N, C-alpha and C. Protein backbone atom coordinates (compact mmCIF):
# COMPACT_ATOMS: atom_id res chain seq x y z
N UNK A 1 4.57 -6.93 -3.55
CA UNK A 1 4.98 -5.56 -3.63
C UNK A 1 5.47 -5.15 -2.24
N UNK A 2 6.70 -4.70 -2.17
CA UNK A 2 7.26 -4.21 -0.91
C UNK A 2 7.87 -2.84 -1.16
N UNK A 3 7.87 -2.03 -0.12
CA UNK A 3 8.52 -0.73 -0.25
C UNK A 3 7.85 0.33 0.59
N UNK A 4 8.04 1.57 0.18
CA UNK A 4 7.48 2.68 0.94
C UNK A 4 6.94 3.74 -0.02
N UNK A 5 5.85 4.36 0.41
CA UNK A 5 5.23 5.43 -0.36
C UNK A 5 4.85 6.56 0.60
N UNK A 6 4.82 7.79 0.12
CA UNK A 6 4.47 8.90 1.00
C UNK A 6 2.97 8.90 1.29
N UNK A 7 2.61 9.36 2.47
CA UNK A 7 1.22 9.57 2.84
C UNK A 7 1.00 11.08 2.86
N UNK A 8 0.30 11.59 1.84
CA UNK A 8 0.11 13.04 1.70
C UNK A 8 -0.59 13.65 2.91
N UNK A 9 -1.56 12.90 3.47
CA UNK A 9 -2.36 13.44 4.57
C UNK A 9 -1.52 13.71 5.82
N UNK A 10 -0.67 12.73 6.20
CA UNK A 10 0.09 12.88 7.44
C UNK A 10 1.51 13.40 7.22
N UNK A 11 2.02 13.27 5.99
CA UNK A 11 3.39 13.65 5.73
C UNK A 11 4.38 12.56 6.11
N UNK A 12 3.89 11.41 6.58
CA UNK A 12 4.74 10.29 6.96
C UNK A 12 4.97 9.36 5.78
N UNK A 13 5.74 8.31 6.01
CA UNK A 13 6.00 7.30 4.99
C UNK A 13 5.27 6.02 5.37
N UNK A 14 4.54 5.46 4.42
CA UNK A 14 3.83 4.21 4.63
C UNK A 14 4.70 3.08 4.11
N UNK A 15 4.96 2.09 4.95
CA UNK A 15 5.74 0.91 4.55
C UNK A 15 4.76 -0.21 4.25
N UNK A 16 4.92 -0.85 3.08
CA UNK A 16 3.98 -1.90 2.69
C UNK A 16 4.70 -3.17 2.26
N UNK A 17 4.06 -4.28 2.54
CA UNK A 17 4.52 -5.61 2.12
C UNK A 17 3.25 -6.41 1.82
N UNK A 18 2.83 -6.39 0.56
CA UNK A 18 1.52 -6.90 0.19
C UNK A 18 1.61 -7.76 -1.07
N UNK A 19 0.93 -8.91 -1.03
CA UNK A 19 0.72 -9.72 -2.23
C UNK A 19 -0.62 -9.30 -2.81
N UNK A 20 -0.68 -9.03 -4.13
CA UNK A 20 -1.91 -8.58 -4.73
C UNK A 20 -2.08 -9.17 -6.12
N UNK A 21 -3.32 -9.18 -6.59
CA UNK A 21 -3.58 -9.70 -7.93
C UNK A 21 -4.40 -8.70 -8.73
N UNK A 22 -4.63 -9.01 -9.99
CA UNK A 22 -5.34 -8.09 -10.89
C UNK A 22 -6.81 -7.94 -10.55
N UNK A 23 -7.37 -8.88 -9.75
CA UNK A 23 -8.79 -8.77 -9.35
C UNK A 23 -8.99 -7.79 -8.20
N UNK A 24 -7.89 -7.36 -7.58
CA UNK A 24 -8.01 -6.44 -6.45
C UNK A 24 -7.95 -7.13 -5.10
N UNK A 25 -7.74 -8.46 -5.09
CA UNK A 25 -7.57 -9.17 -3.82
C UNK A 25 -6.13 -8.96 -3.35
N UNK A 26 -5.92 -8.94 -2.02
CA UNK A 26 -4.58 -8.76 -1.51
C UNK A 26 -4.47 -9.30 -0.08
N UNK A 27 -3.24 -9.47 0.37
CA UNK A 27 -2.96 -9.89 1.74
C UNK A 27 -1.57 -9.40 2.09
N UNK A 28 -1.41 -8.80 3.28
CA UNK A 28 -0.10 -8.34 3.68
C UNK A 28 -0.16 -7.43 4.88
N UNK A 29 0.88 -6.60 5.01
CA UNK A 29 0.96 -5.67 6.15
C UNK A 29 1.30 -4.27 5.64
N UNK A 30 0.91 -3.28 6.42
CA UNK A 30 1.29 -1.90 6.17
C UNK A 30 1.49 -1.21 7.52
N UNK A 31 2.42 -0.29 7.56
CA UNK A 31 2.70 0.46 8.77
C UNK A 31 3.17 1.85 8.41
N UNK A 32 3.31 2.70 9.43
CA UNK A 32 3.69 4.08 9.17
C UNK A 32 4.82 4.51 10.10
N UNK A 33 6.01 4.72 9.54
CA UNK A 33 7.15 5.30 10.26
C UNK A 33 7.29 4.81 11.70
N UNK A 34 7.30 3.50 11.91
CA UNK A 34 7.49 2.97 13.25
C UNK A 34 6.31 3.18 14.17
N UNK A 35 5.15 3.56 13.63
CA UNK A 35 3.97 3.78 14.46
C UNK A 35 3.04 2.58 14.42
N UNK A 36 3.61 1.39 14.47
CA UNK A 36 2.82 0.18 14.46
C UNK A 36 2.47 -0.25 13.05
N UNK A 37 1.71 -1.36 12.96
CA UNK A 37 1.31 -1.84 11.66
C UNK A 37 -0.05 -2.51 11.72
N UNK A 38 -0.60 -2.71 10.55
CA UNK A 38 -1.89 -3.38 10.42
C UNK A 38 -1.74 -4.48 9.38
N UNK A 39 -2.35 -5.63 9.66
CA UNK A 39 -2.45 -6.68 8.67
C UNK A 39 -3.72 -6.41 7.87
N UNK A 40 -3.67 -6.64 6.56
CA UNK A 40 -4.87 -6.46 5.78
C UNK A 40 -5.05 -7.59 4.79
N UNK A 41 -6.31 -7.92 4.57
CA UNK A 41 -6.71 -8.91 3.57
C UNK A 41 -7.94 -8.33 2.88
N UNK A 42 -7.91 -8.29 1.56
CA UNK A 42 -9.10 -7.91 0.82
C UNK A 42 -9.44 -9.06 -0.09
N UNK A 43 -10.65 -9.55 0.07
CA UNK A 43 -11.13 -10.61 -0.80
C UNK A 43 -12.54 -10.24 -1.23
N UNK A 44 -12.74 -10.16 -2.55
CA UNK A 44 -14.04 -9.73 -3.05
C UNK A 44 -14.33 -8.31 -2.61
N UNK A 45 -15.50 -8.10 -2.04
CA UNK A 45 -15.93 -6.76 -1.62
C UNK A 45 -15.69 -6.49 -0.15
N UNK A 46 -14.93 -7.36 0.53
CA UNK A 46 -14.71 -7.21 1.97
C UNK A 46 -13.24 -6.96 2.28
N UNK A 47 -13.00 -6.00 3.17
CA UNK A 47 -11.66 -5.69 3.65
C UNK A 47 -11.56 -6.12 5.10
N UNK A 48 -10.55 -6.95 5.41
CA UNK A 48 -10.29 -7.40 6.78
C UNK A 48 -9.02 -6.73 7.26
N UNK A 49 -9.04 -6.20 8.47
CA UNK A 49 -7.89 -5.52 9.05
C UNK A 49 -7.67 -5.99 10.47
N UNK A 50 -6.39 -6.12 10.84
CA UNK A 50 -6.03 -6.41 12.22
C UNK A 50 -4.93 -5.43 12.61
N UNK A 51 -5.24 -4.53 13.54
CA UNK A 51 -4.32 -3.46 13.95
C UNK A 51 -3.56 -3.87 15.20
N UNK A 52 -2.28 -3.47 15.30
CA UNK A 52 -1.59 -3.65 16.57
C UNK A 52 -1.83 -2.40 17.43
N UNK A 53 -1.48 -2.49 18.70
CA UNK A 53 -1.78 -1.41 19.65
C UNK A 53 -1.11 -0.10 19.26
N UNK A 54 0.16 -0.15 18.84
CA UNK A 54 0.87 1.08 18.47
C UNK A 54 0.18 1.79 17.31
N UNK A 55 -0.28 1.03 16.34
CA UNK A 55 -0.96 1.61 15.18
C UNK A 55 -2.23 2.33 15.63
N UNK A 56 -3.03 1.66 16.47
CA UNK A 56 -4.28 2.27 16.95
C UNK A 56 -4.02 3.54 17.75
N UNK A 57 -3.00 3.49 18.61
CA UNK A 57 -2.69 4.68 19.42
C UNK A 57 -2.23 5.84 18.52
N UNK A 58 -1.42 5.56 17.52
CA UNK A 58 -0.94 6.61 16.61
C UNK A 58 -2.11 7.20 15.82
N UNK A 59 -3.02 6.36 15.37
CA UNK A 59 -4.16 6.84 14.59
C UNK A 59 -5.18 7.60 15.46
N UNK A 60 -5.14 7.36 16.77
CA UNK A 60 -6.08 8.00 17.69
C UNK A 60 -5.51 9.28 18.31
N UNK A 61 -4.31 9.68 17.88
CA UNK A 61 -3.66 10.87 18.44
C UNK A 61 -4.61 12.07 18.37
N UNK A 62 -4.71 12.79 19.48
CA UNK A 62 -5.58 13.95 19.53
C UNK A 62 -6.99 13.64 20.01
N UNK A 63 -7.30 12.35 20.13
CA UNK A 63 -8.62 11.95 20.64
C UNK A 63 -8.57 11.91 22.16
N UNK A 64 -9.72 12.02 22.82
CA UNK A 64 -9.73 11.88 24.29
C UNK A 64 -9.15 10.53 24.72
N UNK A 65 -8.38 10.53 25.82
CA UNK A 65 -7.70 9.33 26.29
C UNK A 65 -8.67 8.15 26.47
N UNK A 66 -9.86 8.42 27.02
CA UNK A 66 -10.84 7.35 27.26
C UNK A 66 -11.27 6.72 25.94
N UNK A 67 -11.44 7.54 24.89
CA UNK A 67 -11.82 7.02 23.58
C UNK A 67 -10.71 6.15 23.00
N UNK A 68 -9.47 6.62 23.13
CA UNK A 68 -8.33 5.86 22.63
C UNK A 68 -8.25 4.51 23.33
N UNK A 69 -8.37 4.51 24.66
CA UNK A 69 -8.29 3.25 25.42
C UNK A 69 -9.41 2.30 25.01
N UNK A 70 -10.60 2.83 24.75
CA UNK A 70 -11.73 1.99 24.34
C UNK A 70 -11.45 1.35 22.97
N UNK A 71 -10.92 2.14 22.04
CA UNK A 71 -10.60 1.62 20.71
C UNK A 71 -9.51 0.55 20.81
N UNK A 72 -8.45 0.83 21.57
CA UNK A 72 -7.35 -0.13 21.73
C UNK A 72 -7.87 -1.42 22.37
N UNK A 73 -8.68 -1.29 23.42
CA UNK A 73 -9.22 -2.46 24.11
C UNK A 73 -10.07 -3.31 23.18
N UNK A 74 -10.85 -2.67 22.34
CA UNK A 74 -11.77 -3.39 21.45
C UNK A 74 -11.06 -3.99 20.24
N UNK A 75 -10.14 -3.24 19.63
CA UNK A 75 -9.63 -3.62 18.31
C UNK A 75 -8.21 -4.19 18.26
N UNK A 76 -7.35 -3.89 19.22
CA UNK A 76 -5.95 -4.33 19.13
C UNK A 76 -5.87 -5.86 19.03
N UNK A 77 -5.22 -6.32 17.97
CA UNK A 77 -5.01 -7.75 17.78
C UNK A 77 -6.23 -8.53 17.32
N UNK A 78 -7.33 -7.85 17.01
CA UNK A 78 -8.57 -8.50 16.58
C UNK A 78 -8.79 -8.27 15.08
N UNK A 79 -9.23 -9.30 14.39
CA UNK A 79 -9.60 -9.11 12.99
C UNK A 79 -10.90 -8.32 12.93
N UNK A 80 -10.96 -7.37 12.03
CA UNK A 80 -12.16 -6.58 11.79
C UNK A 80 -12.53 -6.72 10.31
N UNK A 81 -13.76 -6.38 9.99
CA UNK A 81 -14.16 -6.40 8.58
C UNK A 81 -15.00 -5.18 8.29
N UNK A 82 -14.99 -4.79 7.02
CA UNK A 82 -15.85 -3.70 6.54
C UNK A 82 -15.97 -3.83 5.04
N UNK A 83 -16.97 -3.17 4.49
CA UNK A 83 -17.15 -3.16 3.05
C UNK A 83 -15.96 -2.44 2.41
N UNK A 84 -15.34 -3.07 1.42
CA UNK A 84 -14.16 -2.48 0.78
C UNK A 84 -14.50 -1.20 0.02
N UNK A 85 -15.77 -1.02 -0.32
CA UNK A 85 -16.17 0.17 -1.06
C UNK A 85 -16.62 1.31 -0.16
N UNK A 86 -16.67 1.09 1.15
CA UNK A 86 -17.12 2.13 2.08
C UNK A 86 -16.09 3.23 2.24
N UNK A 87 -16.55 4.37 2.73
CA UNK A 87 -15.67 5.54 2.89
C UNK A 87 -14.49 5.24 3.81
N UNK A 88 -14.71 4.50 4.90
CA UNK A 88 -13.64 4.20 5.85
C UNK A 88 -12.60 3.25 5.27
N UNK A 89 -12.99 2.44 4.30
CA UNK A 89 -12.10 1.41 3.76
C UNK A 89 -11.33 1.83 2.52
N UNK A 90 -11.76 2.88 1.85
CA UNK A 90 -11.19 3.21 0.54
C UNK A 90 -9.67 3.37 0.55
N UNK A 91 -9.15 4.09 1.55
CA UNK A 91 -7.71 4.33 1.58
C UNK A 91 -6.93 3.02 1.74
N UNK A 92 -7.37 2.19 2.70
CA UNK A 92 -6.67 0.91 2.92
C UNK A 92 -6.85 -0.02 1.72
N UNK A 93 -8.06 -0.10 1.17
CA UNK A 93 -8.31 -0.97 0.02
C UNK A 93 -7.50 -0.50 -1.19
N UNK A 94 -7.14 0.78 -1.22
CA UNK A 94 -6.33 1.31 -2.31
C UNK A 94 -4.98 0.64 -2.44
N UNK A 95 -4.48 0.05 -1.34
CA UNK A 95 -3.20 -0.65 -1.40
C UNK A 95 -3.31 -1.96 -2.18
N UNK A 96 -4.53 -2.37 -2.50
CA UNK A 96 -4.76 -3.60 -3.26
C UNK A 96 -4.92 -3.34 -4.74
N UNK A 97 -4.88 -2.08 -5.15
CA UNK A 97 -5.09 -1.69 -6.54
C UNK A 97 -3.75 -1.27 -7.15
N UNK A 98 -3.09 -2.21 -7.80
CA UNK A 98 -1.76 -1.97 -8.35
C UNK A 98 -1.75 -0.81 -9.34
N UNK A 99 -2.72 -0.77 -10.24
CA UNK A 99 -2.75 0.30 -11.25
C UNK A 99 -2.86 1.66 -10.58
N UNK A 100 -3.70 1.79 -9.56
CA UNK A 100 -3.90 3.07 -8.86
C UNK A 100 -2.62 3.46 -8.11
N UNK A 101 -1.98 2.48 -7.44
CA UNK A 101 -0.74 2.78 -6.71
C UNK A 101 0.34 3.32 -7.65
N UNK A 102 0.48 2.69 -8.80
CA UNK A 102 1.51 3.13 -9.75
C UNK A 102 1.14 4.49 -10.34
N UNK A 103 -0.15 4.71 -10.57
CA UNK A 103 -0.59 6.01 -11.08
C UNK A 103 -0.29 7.10 -10.05
N UNK A 104 -0.59 6.84 -8.78
CA UNK A 104 -0.32 7.81 -7.72
C UNK A 104 1.18 8.04 -7.56
N UNK A 105 1.95 6.97 -7.62
CA UNK A 105 3.39 7.09 -7.44
C UNK A 105 4.03 7.86 -8.58
N UNK A 106 3.41 7.79 -9.76
CA UNK A 106 3.97 8.45 -10.92
C UNK A 106 3.62 9.92 -11.04
N UNK A 107 2.92 10.48 -10.09
CA UNK A 107 2.56 11.90 -10.16
C UNK A 107 1.23 12.09 -10.83
N UNK A 108 0.80 13.34 -10.93
CA UNK A 108 -0.54 13.62 -11.43
C UNK A 108 -0.57 14.04 -12.90
N UNK A 109 0.57 14.20 -13.51
CA UNK A 109 0.61 14.51 -14.93
C UNK A 109 0.19 15.93 -15.28
N UNK A 110 0.09 16.83 -14.30
CA UNK A 110 -0.37 18.19 -14.56
C UNK A 110 0.78 19.14 -14.89
N UNK A 111 2.01 18.65 -14.90
CA UNK A 111 3.15 19.53 -15.09
C UNK A 111 3.64 19.59 -16.52
N UNK A 112 2.82 19.21 -17.49
CA UNK A 112 3.24 19.25 -18.87
C UNK A 112 3.42 17.85 -19.42
N UNK A 113 3.98 17.75 -20.63
CA UNK A 113 4.12 16.44 -21.27
C UNK A 113 5.12 15.55 -20.53
N UNK A 114 4.84 14.24 -20.54
CA UNK A 114 5.72 13.27 -19.91
C UNK A 114 6.80 12.85 -20.92
N UNK A 115 8.04 12.82 -20.46
CA UNK A 115 9.16 12.41 -21.30
C UNK A 115 9.73 11.13 -20.73
N UNK A 116 9.88 10.10 -21.57
CA UNK A 116 10.43 8.83 -21.12
C UNK A 116 11.69 8.55 -21.93
N UNK A 117 12.79 8.24 -21.22
CA UNK A 117 14.04 7.89 -21.88
C UNK A 117 14.54 6.56 -21.33
N UNK A 118 15.18 5.80 -22.19
CA UNK A 118 15.73 4.51 -21.76
C UNK A 118 17.08 4.75 -21.11
N UNK A 119 17.27 4.10 -19.96
CA UNK A 119 18.53 4.22 -19.24
C UNK A 119 19.41 3.01 -19.46
N UNK A 120 20.32 2.78 -18.52
CA UNK A 120 21.30 1.71 -18.62
C UNK A 120 20.72 0.34 -18.26
N UNK A 121 21.40 -0.70 -18.74
CA UNK A 121 21.11 -2.06 -18.31
C UNK A 121 21.65 -2.22 -16.88
N UNK A 122 20.95 -2.99 -16.06
CA UNK A 122 21.34 -3.18 -14.67
C UNK A 122 20.78 -4.51 -14.18
N UNK A 123 20.84 -4.76 -12.91
CA UNK A 123 20.17 -5.92 -12.32
C UNK A 123 19.38 -5.44 -11.10
N UNK A 124 18.28 -6.13 -10.84
CA UNK A 124 17.46 -5.88 -9.65
C UNK A 124 17.34 -7.21 -8.92
N UNK A 125 17.96 -7.30 -7.76
CA UNK A 125 17.98 -8.55 -6.98
C UNK A 125 18.41 -9.73 -7.84
N UNK A 126 19.45 -9.52 -8.66
CA UNK A 126 20.00 -10.59 -9.48
C UNK A 126 19.31 -10.80 -10.82
N UNK A 127 18.22 -10.10 -11.10
CA UNK A 127 17.49 -10.24 -12.36
C UNK A 127 17.94 -9.14 -13.33
N UNK A 128 18.40 -9.53 -14.54
CA UNK A 128 18.79 -8.53 -15.53
C UNK A 128 17.60 -7.62 -15.86
N UNK A 129 17.87 -6.33 -15.99
CA UNK A 129 16.80 -5.36 -16.22
C UNK A 129 17.33 -4.17 -17.00
N UNK A 130 16.39 -3.42 -17.57
CA UNK A 130 16.75 -2.12 -18.13
C UNK A 130 15.92 -1.07 -17.40
N UNK A 131 16.37 0.15 -17.48
CA UNK A 131 15.69 1.24 -16.78
C UNK A 131 15.00 2.17 -17.77
N UNK A 132 13.90 2.72 -17.31
CA UNK A 132 13.20 3.78 -18.02
C UNK A 132 13.11 4.95 -17.06
N UNK A 133 13.51 6.11 -17.53
CA UNK A 133 13.43 7.32 -16.71
C UNK A 133 12.26 8.16 -17.24
N UNK A 134 11.34 8.49 -16.35
CA UNK A 134 10.18 9.28 -16.73
C UNK A 134 10.28 10.64 -16.08
N UNK A 135 10.12 11.68 -16.88
CA UNK A 135 10.10 13.05 -16.37
C UNK A 135 8.77 13.66 -16.73
N UNK A 136 8.08 14.17 -15.73
CA UNK A 136 6.77 14.78 -15.92
C UNK A 136 6.81 16.11 -15.17
N UNK A 137 7.22 17.17 -15.86
CA UNK A 137 7.43 18.45 -15.19
C UNK A 137 8.56 18.32 -14.19
N UNK A 138 8.26 18.58 -12.91
CA UNK A 138 9.29 18.47 -11.87
C UNK A 138 9.35 17.06 -11.28
N UNK A 139 8.41 16.18 -11.66
CA UNK A 139 8.39 14.82 -11.13
C UNK A 139 9.31 13.93 -11.96
N UNK A 140 10.13 13.14 -11.25
CA UNK A 140 11.03 12.21 -11.93
C UNK A 140 10.89 10.84 -11.28
N UNK A 141 10.87 9.80 -12.11
CA UNK A 141 10.81 8.45 -11.58
C UNK A 141 11.60 7.52 -12.48
N UNK A 142 11.96 6.37 -11.92
CA UNK A 142 12.70 5.35 -12.66
C UNK A 142 11.96 4.02 -12.51
N UNK A 143 11.80 3.33 -13.62
CA UNK A 143 11.15 2.03 -13.65
C UNK A 143 12.17 1.01 -14.12
N UNK A 144 12.20 -0.15 -13.46
CA UNK A 144 13.11 -1.23 -13.82
C UNK A 144 12.28 -2.38 -14.37
N UNK A 145 12.60 -2.83 -15.60
CA UNK A 145 11.85 -3.86 -16.29
C UNK A 145 12.76 -5.06 -16.55
N UNK A 146 12.27 -6.27 -16.27
CA UNK A 146 13.05 -7.50 -16.50
C UNK A 146 13.35 -7.67 -17.98
N UNK A 147 14.59 -8.09 -18.29
CA UNK A 147 14.97 -8.33 -19.68
C UNK A 147 15.05 -9.82 -20.00
N UNK A 148 14.89 -10.67 -18.99
CA UNK A 148 14.85 -12.12 -19.21
C UNK A 148 13.47 -12.62 -18.85
N UNK A 149 12.92 -13.55 -19.65
CA UNK A 149 11.57 -14.03 -19.40
C UNK A 149 10.57 -12.94 -19.75
N UNK A 150 9.45 -12.92 -19.04
CA UNK A 150 8.44 -11.89 -19.31
C UNK A 150 8.97 -10.54 -18.84
N UNK A 151 8.61 -9.46 -19.54
CA UNK A 151 9.12 -8.12 -19.18
C UNK A 151 8.36 -7.54 -17.98
N UNK A 152 8.50 -8.20 -16.84
CA UNK A 152 7.81 -7.77 -15.64
C UNK A 152 8.42 -6.50 -15.04
N UNK A 153 7.57 -5.71 -14.44
CA UNK A 153 8.01 -4.57 -13.65
C UNK A 153 8.69 -5.13 -12.39
N UNK A 154 9.94 -4.72 -12.15
CA UNK A 154 10.69 -5.21 -10.98
C UNK A 154 10.76 -4.18 -9.87
N UNK A 155 10.84 -2.91 -10.25
CA UNK A 155 11.00 -1.86 -9.24
C UNK A 155 10.54 -0.53 -9.81
N UNK A 156 9.98 0.29 -8.94
CA UNK A 156 9.58 1.65 -9.28
C UNK A 156 10.18 2.57 -8.22
N UNK A 157 10.88 3.60 -8.65
CA UNK A 157 11.47 4.57 -7.71
C UNK A 157 11.02 5.97 -8.11
N UNK A 158 10.48 6.69 -7.13
CA UNK A 158 10.11 8.08 -7.37
C UNK A 158 11.25 8.95 -6.88
N UNK A 159 11.77 9.79 -7.77
CA UNK A 159 12.83 10.72 -7.39
C UNK A 159 12.29 12.07 -6.97
N UNK A 160 10.98 12.14 -6.81
CA UNK A 160 10.34 13.40 -6.45
C UNK A 160 10.72 13.82 -5.03
N UNK A 161 11.09 15.07 -4.86
CA UNK A 161 11.37 15.57 -3.51
C UNK A 161 10.09 15.61 -2.69
N UNK A 162 8.97 15.89 -3.36
CA UNK A 162 7.70 16.00 -2.67
C UNK A 162 7.15 14.62 -2.27
N UNK A 163 7.35 13.62 -3.12
CA UNK A 163 6.81 12.29 -2.86
C UNK A 163 7.84 11.21 -3.19
N UNK A 164 8.93 11.13 -2.41
CA UNK A 164 9.91 10.08 -2.67
C UNK A 164 9.34 8.73 -2.25
N UNK A 165 9.76 7.68 -2.91
CA UNK A 165 9.29 6.35 -2.53
C UNK A 165 9.84 5.33 -3.49
N UNK A 166 9.75 4.07 -3.11
CA UNK A 166 10.21 2.98 -3.96
C UNK A 166 9.38 1.74 -3.67
N UNK A 167 9.06 1.01 -4.72
CA UNK A 167 8.31 -0.24 -4.60
C UNK A 167 9.03 -1.31 -5.40
N UNK A 168 9.18 -2.50 -4.81
CA UNK A 168 9.76 -3.65 -5.50
C UNK A 168 8.67 -4.68 -5.74
N UNK A 169 8.75 -5.37 -6.88
CA UNK A 169 7.73 -6.34 -7.27
C UNK A 169 8.38 -7.69 -7.52
N UNK A 170 7.88 -8.72 -6.84
CA UNK A 170 8.40 -10.08 -6.97
C UNK A 170 7.22 -11.05 -6.92
N UNK A 171 7.50 -12.33 -7.11
CA UNK A 171 6.49 -13.37 -6.93
C UNK A 171 5.38 -13.35 -7.96
N UNK A 172 5.69 -12.94 -9.19
CA UNK A 172 4.67 -12.94 -10.24
C UNK A 172 4.12 -14.34 -10.45
N UNK A 173 2.85 -14.42 -10.79
CA UNK A 173 2.15 -15.68 -11.10
C UNK A 173 2.01 -16.61 -9.91
N UNK A 174 2.28 -16.12 -8.69
CA UNK A 174 2.05 -16.91 -7.49
C UNK A 174 0.68 -16.53 -6.93
N UNK A 175 -0.05 -17.52 -6.36
CA UNK A 175 -1.38 -17.20 -5.83
C UNK A 175 -1.30 -16.25 -4.63
N UNK A 176 -2.29 -15.38 -4.52
CA UNK A 176 -2.36 -14.43 -3.41
C UNK A 176 -3.14 -15.09 -2.27
N UNK A 177 -2.57 -15.14 -1.05
CA UNK A 177 -3.24 -15.81 0.07
C UNK A 177 -4.34 -14.95 0.69
N UNK A 178 -5.29 -14.50 -0.13
CA UNK A 178 -6.36 -13.62 0.34
C UNK A 178 -7.59 -14.46 0.69
N UNK A 179 -7.66 -14.88 1.94
CA UNK A 179 -8.80 -15.66 2.41
C UNK A 179 -9.33 -15.03 3.69
N UNK A 180 -10.63 -15.15 3.89
CA UNK A 180 -11.25 -14.63 5.10
C UNK A 180 -10.55 -15.22 6.32
N UNK A 181 -10.16 -14.37 7.30
CA UNK A 181 -9.49 -14.89 8.50
C UNK A 181 -10.43 -15.81 9.28
N UNK A 182 -9.84 -16.74 9.99
CA UNK A 182 -10.65 -17.62 10.84
C UNK A 182 -10.82 -16.97 12.21
N UNK A 183 -11.77 -17.45 12.98
CA UNK A 183 -12.00 -16.93 14.32
C UNK A 183 -12.96 -15.76 14.33
N UNK A 184 -13.02 -15.07 15.46
CA UNK A 184 -13.95 -13.96 15.63
C UNK A 184 -13.51 -12.75 14.80
N UNK A 185 -14.47 -12.15 14.13
CA UNK A 185 -14.22 -10.96 13.31
C UNK A 185 -15.23 -9.89 13.73
N UNK A 186 -14.73 -8.71 14.07
CA UNK A 186 -15.59 -7.60 14.46
C UNK A 186 -16.01 -6.85 13.21
N UNK A 187 -17.32 -6.74 12.96
CA UNK A 187 -17.84 -6.05 11.80
C UNK A 187 -17.90 -4.55 12.09
N UNK A 188 -16.98 -3.78 11.53
CA UNK A 188 -16.93 -2.35 11.79
C UNK A 188 -18.10 -1.60 11.15
N UNK A 189 -18.64 -2.13 10.07
CA UNK A 189 -19.81 -1.49 9.47
C UNK A 189 -20.99 -1.52 10.44
N UNK A 190 -21.13 -2.61 11.20
CA UNK A 190 -22.19 -2.72 12.20
C UNK A 190 -21.95 -1.77 13.37
N UNK A 191 -20.65 -1.44 13.63
CA UNK A 191 -20.32 -0.53 14.74
C UNK A 191 -20.34 0.93 14.31
N UNK A 192 -20.71 1.18 13.07
CA UNK A 192 -20.79 2.57 12.61
C UNK A 192 -19.46 3.12 12.13
N UNK A 193 -18.59 2.24 11.60
CA UNK A 193 -17.33 2.71 11.00
C UNK A 193 -16.30 3.16 12.02
N UNK A 194 -16.02 2.30 13.00
CA UNK A 194 -15.05 2.65 14.04
C UNK A 194 -13.63 2.37 13.62
N UNK A 195 -13.31 2.48 12.34
CA UNK A 195 -11.95 2.15 11.90
C UNK A 195 -10.97 3.20 12.39
N UNK A 196 -9.70 2.78 12.44
CA UNK A 196 -8.64 3.68 12.92
C UNK A 196 -8.27 4.65 11.85
């Protein structure tokens, strides 16, 4: 899954490139509007993250300079781990939940009945597809479904002015490289949840 989704909290756009499976395991990268990126791996109940310096500095904005420098010194370029079900991990672990991501991208459904219409035949990266247009009140989105082989979801586009975004899906039935990183790992749960 590659693409961008809005971040309601910051108002920025989150860019993601993640391999994920139906069990909730995933491996990939995410970043925010040129403010650095983080590598993430979720396997089982553990979330592993490795932040770059720009990401840590952006997430520490508004904190005392000494605190920011301490976080950057400790965490930049280091693998960290935490319980995937913990409060600090929920947002990041959410990128590993395909059903939840699509539900969030599709709006909240509070604007009245959802209307779905079939659109034109097209191609997505060379794969024949058809489009479905979904209207849910003021929210509009387009889904692209493969017409050859299995009817896989190929692309999701939100036409919402409030939450524009697009996600592309490739590599179906390929194994997800979600394995515990090798080397030293800093346990953030032991540090009292020092996540960025």
